[in-house]
């Protein structure tokens, strides 16, 4: 059931379990979710991992049956990934239901497509970061205050030459740890972009920083945390950024996926000893 009339949307809004609503909201915000990510986010309190996985499968199956989520053909890890490797995305009906919940009315249907491998890998890496931060906030003094994804985290601005431009980070993360609040633009690097593309993106952050717009509106400029899929790639990024202007030395932080939480709380850095703003 991929298309729902207004009456069907209203009925679903009234009877959908709250945990399934939260799953749907998260899938829409992160754009793609693996089944194991859903389990870690919403069924972690189940004592038995097997029991949690079963309840997760049941919730996902119900959302698919209602036409609110779709299970993609693509799997992570190949054909042997099992049900935990299935990918899920919101359908047009799911987006319409969320719009109704948010008071935006019942939006029109939109087309669905199967994402490419590069898009899926990058999007799931962003989701992995979100899941890891949620888990860290459960077991430590770390508090996840906000996790904005594209396009909510984008920034429109005017360059020094008067051209209109849009800064497009992968996420904006707000964390609290101890007496400090840490705000970071995040770039997830999956090793697919070359030197030229990386430098253009780095200069876009510097261009936006120099406008002073973010500082004027929020009082701080977020650090720019580049998270590479591998330590060798982090070294590659570090070497590229070493030749950038002085502002980059203050704003940019580079590290691998394993160091993500430490990087986002200013505890560890492979490029600078201090970030842009806490």
Protein backbone atom coordinates (compact mmCIF):
# COMPACT_ATOMS: atom_id res chain seq x y z
CA UNK A 1 0.00 0.00 0.00
CA UNK A 2 2.13 2.85 -1.31
CA UNK A 3 -0.62 5.43 -1.89
CA UNK A 4 -2.98 6.55 0.86
CA UNK A 5 -5.94 8.88 0.69
CA UNK A 6 -6.37 11.63 3.25
CA UNK A 7 -8.75 9.49 5.31
CA UNK A 8 -6.25 6.65 5.40
CA UNK A 9 -3.50 8.98 6.60
CA UNK A 10 -5.71 10.25 9.41
CA UNK A 11 -6.64 6.71 10.51
CA UNK A 12 -2.99 5.66 10.58
CA UNK A 13 -2.04 8.76 12.54
CA UNK A 14 -4.46 7.74 15.26
CA UNK A 15 -3.52 4.09 15.60
CA UNK A 16 0.17 3.72 14.77
CA UNK A 17 2.18 2.64 17.86
CA UNK A 18 4.42 5.39 19.24
CA UNK A 19 7.61 3.39 18.73
CA UNK A 20 6.74 2.89 15.06
CA UNK A 21 6.13 6.61 14.74
CA UNK A 22 9.62 7.25 16.15
CA UNK A 23 11.12 4.74 13.73
CA UNK A 24 9.36 6.43 10.84
CA UNK A 25 10.49 9.89 11.95
CA UNK A 26 14.11 8.71 12.25
CA UNK A 27 14.05 6.98 8.87
CA UNK A 28 12.80 10.18 7.25
CA UNK A 29 15.41 12.34 8.98
CA UNK A 30 18.35 10.05 8.22
CA UNK A 31 16.97 9.02 4.80
CA UNK A 32 18.15 5.39 5.09
CA UNK A 33 18.33 2.96 8.00
CA UNK A 34 19.57 -0.60 8.35
CA UNK A 35 17.49 -2.99 10.41
CA UNK A 36 20.30 -3.40 12.95
CA UNK A 37 20.47 0.39 13.38
CA UNK A 38 16.74 0.42 14.14
CA UNK A 39 17.23 -2.33 16.72
CA UNK A 40 20.08 -0.46 18.43
CA UNK A 41 18.10 2.77 18.54
CA UNK A 42 14.69 1.53 19.63
CA UNK A 43 14.97 -1.98 21.07
CA UNK A 44 18.22 -1.84 23.04
CA UNK A 45 16.44 -2.20 26.39
CA UNK A 46 15.22 -5.68 25.52
CA UNK A 47 17.36 -8.04 27.62
CA UNK A 48 17.63 -10.66 24.92
CA UNK A 49 19.26 -9.46 21.70
CA UNK A 50 17.28 -12.14 19.88
CA UNK A 51 14.06 -10.82 21.42
CA UNK A 52 14.97 -7.27 20.49
CA UNK A 53 15.72 -8.31 16.92
CA UNK A 54 12.37 -10.12 16.71
CA UNK A 55 10.41 -7.08 17.93
CA UNK A 56 12.39 -4.89 15.54
CA UNK A 57 11.56 -7.13 12.58
CA UNK A 58 7.90 -7.10 13.60
CA UNK A 59 7.76 -3.29 13.78
CA UNK A 60 9.55 -2.87 10.45
CA UNK A 61 7.30 -5.46 8.80
CA UNK A 62 4.22 -3.61 10.06
CA UNK A 63 5.49 -0.27 8.73
CA UNK A 64 6.19 -1.90 5.36
CA UNK A 65 2.77 -3.58 5.35
CA UNK A 66 1.11 -0.22 6.03
CA UNK A 67 3.03 1.31 3.13
CA UNK A 68 4.95 3.78 5.33
CA UNK A 69 8.40 2.24 4.89
CA UNK A 70 9.81 0.36 1.95
CA UNK A 71 12.47 -2.29 2.11
CA UNK A 72 15.09 -1.64 -0.52
CA UNK A 73 16.43 -4.33 -2.80
CA UNK A 74 19.97 -3.36 -1.92
CA UNK A 75 21.54 -4.97 1.14
CA UNK A 76 24.62 -4.07 3.13
CA UNK A 77 27.18 -6.82 3.24
CA UNK A 78 25.94 -8.67 0.16
CA UNK A 79 23.35 -11.40 -0.16
CA UNK A 80 24.39 -13.06 3.10
CA UNK A 81 23.81 -9.97 5.22
CA UNK A 82 20.52 -11.38 6.50
CA UNK A 83 17.57 -9.37 7.73
CA UNK A 84 19.85 -7.09 9.80
CA UNK A 85 21.37 -5.85 6.54
CA UNK A 86 18.11 -4.81 4.91
CA UNK A 87 17.76 -1.10 4.18
CA UNK A 88 14.60 0.90 4.82
CA UNK A 89 13.40 4.29 3.61
CA UNK A 90 10.16 6.21 4.01
CA UNK A 91 7.60 5.97 1.26
CA UNK A 92 5.53 8.81 -0.14
CA UNK A 93 2.75 7.75 2.23
CA UNK A 94 5.18 7.77 5.16
CA UNK A 95 6.28 11.29 4.30
CA UNK A 96 2.64 12.38 4.01
CA UNK A 97 1.85 10.92 7.44
CA UNK A 98 4.81 12.72 8.99
CA UNK A 99 3.73 15.97 7.36
CA UNK A 100 0.26 15.49 8.83
CA UNK A 101 1.70 14.86 12.30
CA UNK A 102 3.84 17.99 12.01
CA UNK A 103 0.85 20.13 11.15
CA UNK A 104 1.95 20.69 7.56
CA UNK A 105 -1.10 19.09 6.03
CA UNK A 106 -1.09 15.96 3.90
CA UNK A 107 1.65 16.40 1.33
CA UNK A 108 1.40 15.09 -2.21
CA UNK A 109 2.92 11.77 -3.22
CA UNK A 110 6.52 11.73 -4.35
CA UNK A 111 8.40 9.28 -6.49
CA UNK A 112 10.56 6.53 -5.00
CA UNK A 113 13.84 5.30 -6.38
CA UNK A 114 16.50 2.80 -5.50
CA UNK A 115 19.60 4.66 -4.23
CA UNK A 116 23.00 3.96 -5.72
CA UNK A 117 25.76 2.21 -3.82
CA UNK A 118 27.76 5.40 -3.10
CA UNK A 119 24.71 7.27 -1.80
CA UNK A 120 23.64 4.34 0.37
CA UNK A 121 27.12 3.89 1.84
CA UNK A 122 27.49 7.57 2.67
CA UNK A 123 23.98 7.94 4.07
CA UNK A 124 24.35 4.86 6.27
CA UNK A 125 27.67 6.17 7.57
CA UNK A 126 25.86 9.30 8.76
CA UNK A 127 23.21 7.09 10.38
CA UNK A 128 25.96 5.02 12.02
CA UNK A 129 27.37 8.18 13.58
CA UNK A 130 23.95 9.11 14.92
CA UNK A 131 23.42 5.63 16.39
CA UNK A 132 26.85 5.61 18.03
CA UNK A 133 26.19 9.01 19.64
CA UNK A 134 22.80 7.89 20.94
CA UNK A 135 24.43 4.80 22.43
CA UNK A 136 27.23 6.87 23.96
CA UNK A 137 24.69 9.20 25.55
CA UNK A 138 23.04 6.20 27.23
CA UNK A 139 26.19 4.93 28.88
CA UNK A 140 28.22 8.05 29.69
CA UNK A 141 28.02 11.69 30.73
CA UNK A 142 27.76 12.62 27.07
CA UNK A 143 24.44 14.21 26.07
CA UNK A 144 23.27 14.42 22.48
CA UNK A 145 21.51 17.77 22.21
CA UNK A 146 20.91 17.80 18.48
CA UNK A 147 21.70 15.99 15.24
CA UNK A 148 20.60 17.88 12.12
CA UNK A 149 20.98 16.21 8.75
CA UNK A 150 20.70 17.46 5.18
CA UNK A 151 19.13 19.80 4.21
CA UNK A 152 18.30 21.16 7.69
CA UNK A 153 22.00 21.69 8.43
CA UNK A 154 22.75 23.55 5.18
CA UNK A 155 23.61 27.24 5.24
CA UNK A 156 22.85 29.75 2.48
CA UNK A 157 25.20 32.73 2.28
CA UNK A 158 26.72 35.36 0.00
CA UNK A 159 30.38 35.02 -0.91
CA UNK A 160 32.95 37.82 -0.80
CA UNK A 161 32.36 38.30 -4.54
CA UNK A 162 28.63 38.71 -4.06
CA UNK A 163 27.62 35.30 -5.36
CA UNK A 164 24.95 33.23 -3.68
CA UNK A 165 26.19 29.93 -2.31
CA UNK A 166 25.05 27.10 -0.07
CA UNK A 167 27.28 25.30 2.40
CA UNK A 168 26.26 21.64 2.52
CA UNK A 169 27.73 19.78 5.50
CA UNK A 170 26.55 16.23 6.12
CA UNK A 171 25.32 17.02 9.63
CA UNK A 172 25.35 19.54 12.45
CA UNK A 173 25.94 17.90 15.84
CA UNK A 174 25.43 19.42 19.28
CA UNK A 175 26.85 17.59 22.28
CA UNK A 176 27.16 18.39 25.97
CA UNK A 177 29.95 16.87 28.04
CA UNK A 178 30.83 18.13 31.48
CA UNK A 179 30.58 21.90 31.59
CA UNK A 180 30.95 22.35 27.84
CA UNK A 181 28.69 22.30 24.82
CA UNK A 182 30.31 21.26 21.55
CA UNK A 183 28.90 22.26 18.18
CA UNK A 184 30.30 20.72 15.00
CA UNK A 185 29.67 20.64 11.30
CA UNK A 186 30.37 17.06 10.26
CA UNK A 187 31.77 15.75 7.01
CA UNK A 188 31.69 11.98 6.56
CA UNK A 189 34.41 10.93 4.14
CA UNK A 190 33.97 7.50 2.53
CA UNK A 191 37.11 7.79 0.44
CA UNK A 192 35.35 8.51 -2.84
CA UNK A 193 36.32 12.18 -3.38
CA UNK A 194 39.61 13.34 -4.82
CA UNK A 195 41.91 16.14 -3.73
CA UNK A 196 40.17 18.79 -5.82
CA UNK A 197 36.70 18.07 -4.49
CA UNK A 198 37.97 17.97 -0.91
CA UNK A 199 39.71 21.31 -1.26
CA UNK A 200 36.63 22.92 -2.80
CA UNK A 201 34.56 21.73 0.14
CA UNK A 202 37.17 22.93 2.63
CA UNK A 203 37.29 26.38 1.01
CA UNK A 204 33.48 26.53 1.13
CA UNK A 205 33.62 26.16 4.91
CA UNK A 206 36.28 28.88 5.13
CA UNK A 207 34.25 31.15 2.85
CA UNK A 208 31.20 30.76 5.06
CA UNK A 209 33.29 31.29 8.20
CA UNK A 210 34.63 34.57 6.84
CA UNK A 211 31.12 35.96 6.31
CA UNK A 212 30.64 36.01 10.09
CA UNK A 213 26.99 35.11 9.58
CA UNK A 214 26.95 31.99 11.76
CA UNK A 215 28.83 33.78 14.54
CA UNK A 216 26.39 36.69 14.46
CA UNK A 217 23.33 34.44 14.56
CA UNK A 218 24.47 31.82 17.06
CA UNK A 219 27.46 33.35 18.84
CA UNK A 220 29.84 30.59 17.74
CA UNK A 221 31.15 28.96 14.59
CA UNK A 222 31.01 25.16 14.74
CA UNK A 223 34.20 23.21 14.37
CA UNK A 224 34.38 21.28 11.12
CA UNK A 225 34.94 17.63 11.97
CA UNK A 226 36.06 15.44 9.08
CA UNK A 227 35.47 11.76 9.86
CA UNK A 228 37.25 9.36 7.53
CA UNK A 229 36.34 5.72 7.05
CA UNK A 230 39.95 4.61 7.63
CA UNK A 231 43.00 5.93 9.48
CA UNK A 232 44.99 6.03 6.23
CA UNK A 233 42.32 8.22 4.65
CA UNK A 234 42.42 10.53 7.70
CA UNK A 235 46.15 10.98 7.10
CA UNK A 236 45.42 11.80 3.47
CA UNK A 237 42.93 14.48 4.52
CA UNK A 238 45.38 15.88 7.05
CA UNK A 239 48.06 16.23 4.40
CA UNK A 240 45.66 18.04 2.06
CA UNK A 241 44.44 20.48 4.71
CA UNK A 242 47.93 21.29 5.97
CA UNK A 243 48.38 23.82 3.19
CA UNK A 244 45.16 25.70 3.86
CA UNK A 245 45.00 29.22 5.37
CA UNK A 246 45.41 29.79 9.09
CA UNK A 247 41.67 29.71 9.79
CA UNK A 248 41.60 26.04 8.84
CA UNK A 249 44.10 25.25 11.56
CA UNK A 250 41.59 26.56 14.08
CA UNK A 251 38.42 25.15 12.56
CA UNK A 252 39.21 21.76 11.05
CA UNK A 253 39.55 18.49 12.96
CA UNK A 254 40.33 15.22 11.21
CA UNK A 255 40.15 11.63 12.41
CA UNK A 256 38.80 8.17 11.70
CA UNK A 257 35.40 6.66 12.45
CA UNK A 258 36.69 5.01 15.62
CA UNK A 259 37.61 8.43 17.00
CA UNK A 260 34.33 10.16 16.10
CA UNK A 261 32.98 10.69 19.61
CA UNK A 262 36.31 11.96 20.89
CA UNK A 263 36.65 14.30 17.94
CA UNK A 264 33.18 15.73 18.48
CA UNK A 265 33.91 16.46 22.13
CA UNK A 266 37.34 17.97 21.51
CA UNK A 267 39.11 15.05 23.21
CA UNK A 268 41.21 13.99 20.26
CA UNK A 269 42.48 15.52 17.04
CA UNK A 270 44.81 14.53 14.25
CA UNK A 271 44.93 17.97 12.68
CA UNK A 272 44.51 20.71 15.25
CA UNK A 273 44.82 20.89 19.01
CA UNK A 274 41.71 23.00 19.36
CA UNK A 275 38.41 23.44 17.56
CA UNK A 276 36.55 26.49 16.42
CA UNK A 277 33.88 26.77 19.08
CA UNK A 278 32.68 24.98 22.15
